[in-house]
Amino acid sequence: MSDPGGVAADQLRAFIERIERLEEEKKVISDDIKDVYAEAKGNGYDVKILRKVVSLRKKQPHEREEEEAVLDLYLHALGMAAAGPSEG
């Protein structure tokens, strides 16, 4: 079934309904993740650090190393880097 504008209404409706179902599933999963973080916090873990660890685990080792090198460069430029054994 097609309207004068060339849109297949049945196909469009099917896409919209699939997207809506997936959005609902995404919300449920998001709520589950929040529950896990809350449980971890209840057991004394730092949620901010857990989120950072999860983020770092998604990256390849070379991506993490590059990010750390740039961060270190910026911290040194701002005088915020920790003094190393040969410094300070």
Protein backbone atom coordinates (compact mmCIF):
# COMPACT_ATOMS: atom_id res chain seq x y z
CA MET A 1 0.00 0.00 0.00
CA SER A 2 1.44 3.31 -1.09
CA ASP A 3 0.16 6.84 -0.78
CA PRO A 4 0.58 9.48 -3.49
CA GLY A 5 3.88 10.60 -1.93
CA GLY A 6 5.42 7.19 -2.56
CA VAL A 7 5.57 6.12 1.09
CA ALA A 8 4.74 2.50 1.79
CA ALA A 9 2.60 3.00 4.89
CA ASP A 10 2.75 -0.64 6.05
CA GLN A 11 6.53 -0.75 5.79
CA LEU A 12 6.87 2.63 7.51
CA ARG A 13 4.56 1.50 10.33
CA ALA A 14 6.63 -1.70 10.74
CA PHE A 15 9.85 0.32 11.03
CA ILE A 16 8.31 2.68 13.58
CA GLU A 17 6.96 -0.20 15.67
CA ARG A 18 10.34 -1.98 15.63
CA ILE A 19 12.07 1.22 16.74
CA GLU A 20 9.54 1.70 19.53
CA ARG A 21 10.06 -1.87 20.79
CA LEU A 22 13.83 -1.45 20.73
CA GLU A 23 13.55 1.87 22.59
CA GLU A 24 11.53 0.09 25.30
CA GLU A 25 14.15 -2.66 25.53
CA LYS A 26 16.89 -0.04 25.73
CA LYS A 27 15.10 1.63 28.66
CA VAL A 28 14.80 -1.70 30.51
CA ILE A 29 18.49 -2.43 29.95
CA SER A 30 19.43 1.09 31.05
CA ASP A 31 17.42 0.61 34.25
CA ASP A 32 19.16 -2.73 34.84
CA ILE A 33 22.57 -1.10 34.45
CA LYS A 34 21.58 1.62 36.95
CA ASP A 35 20.54 -1.12 39.38
CA VAL A 36 23.94 -2.82 39.05
CA TYR A 37 25.76 0.46 39.70
CA ALA A 38 23.53 1.08 42.73
CA GLU A 39 24.30 -2.39 44.03
CA ALA A 40 28.02 -1.83 43.55
CA LYS A 41 27.76 1.51 45.37
CA GLY A 42 25.94 -0.24 48.21
CA ASN A 43 28.93 -2.57 48.47
CA GLY A 44 31.35 0.35 48.78
CA TYR A 45 32.53 0.75 45.19
CA ASP A 46 33.00 4.17 43.62
CA VAL A 47 30.48 4.35 40.77
CA LYS A 48 32.34 7.15 38.98
CA ILE A 49 35.47 4.98 38.84
CA LEU A 50 33.47 1.91 37.77
CA ARG A 51 32.06 3.92 34.85
CA LYS A 52 35.58 4.99 33.89
CA VAL A 53 36.82 1.38 34.02
CA VAL A 54 33.94 0.23 31.81
CA SER A 55 34.74 3.03 29.38
CA LEU A 56 38.45 2.15 29.30
CA ARG A 57 37.72 -1.56 28.74
CA LYS A 58 35.82 -0.64 25.56
CA LYS A 59 38.97 0.90 24.07
CA GLN A 60 41.88 -0.82 22.39
CA PRO A 61 45.20 -0.67 24.29
CA HIS A 62 46.72 1.76 21.79
CA GLU A 63 43.71 4.07 22.15
CA ARG A 64 44.08 4.08 25.95
CA GLU A 65 47.82 4.75 25.70
CA GLU A 66 47.27 7.63 23.28
CA GLU A 67 44.57 9.13 25.52
CA GLU A 68 46.81 8.82 28.59
CA ALA A 69 49.73 10.43 26.75
CA VAL A 70 47.63 13.41 25.64
CA LEU A 71 46.15 13.76 29.14
CA ASP A 72 49.66 13.71 30.64
CA LEU A 73 50.80 16.33 28.13
CA TYR A 74 47.89 18.62 29.01
CA LEU A 75 48.39 18.15 32.75
CA HIS A 76 52.07 19.02 32.45
CA ALA A 77 51.23 22.10 30.36
CA LEU A 78 48.87 23.28 33.12
CA GLY A 79 51.33 22.45 35.91
CA MET A 80 48.94 19.80 37.29
CA ALA A 81 51.06 16.70 36.72
CA ALA A 82 52.20 14.79 39.77
CA ALA A 83 55.89 15.11 40.48
CA GLY A 84 57.73 11.96 39.44
CA PRO A 85 60.75 10.42 41.19
CA SER A 86 63.21 12.62 39.26
CA GLU A 87 61.05 15.72 39.68
CA GLY A 88 60.17 17.71 42.74
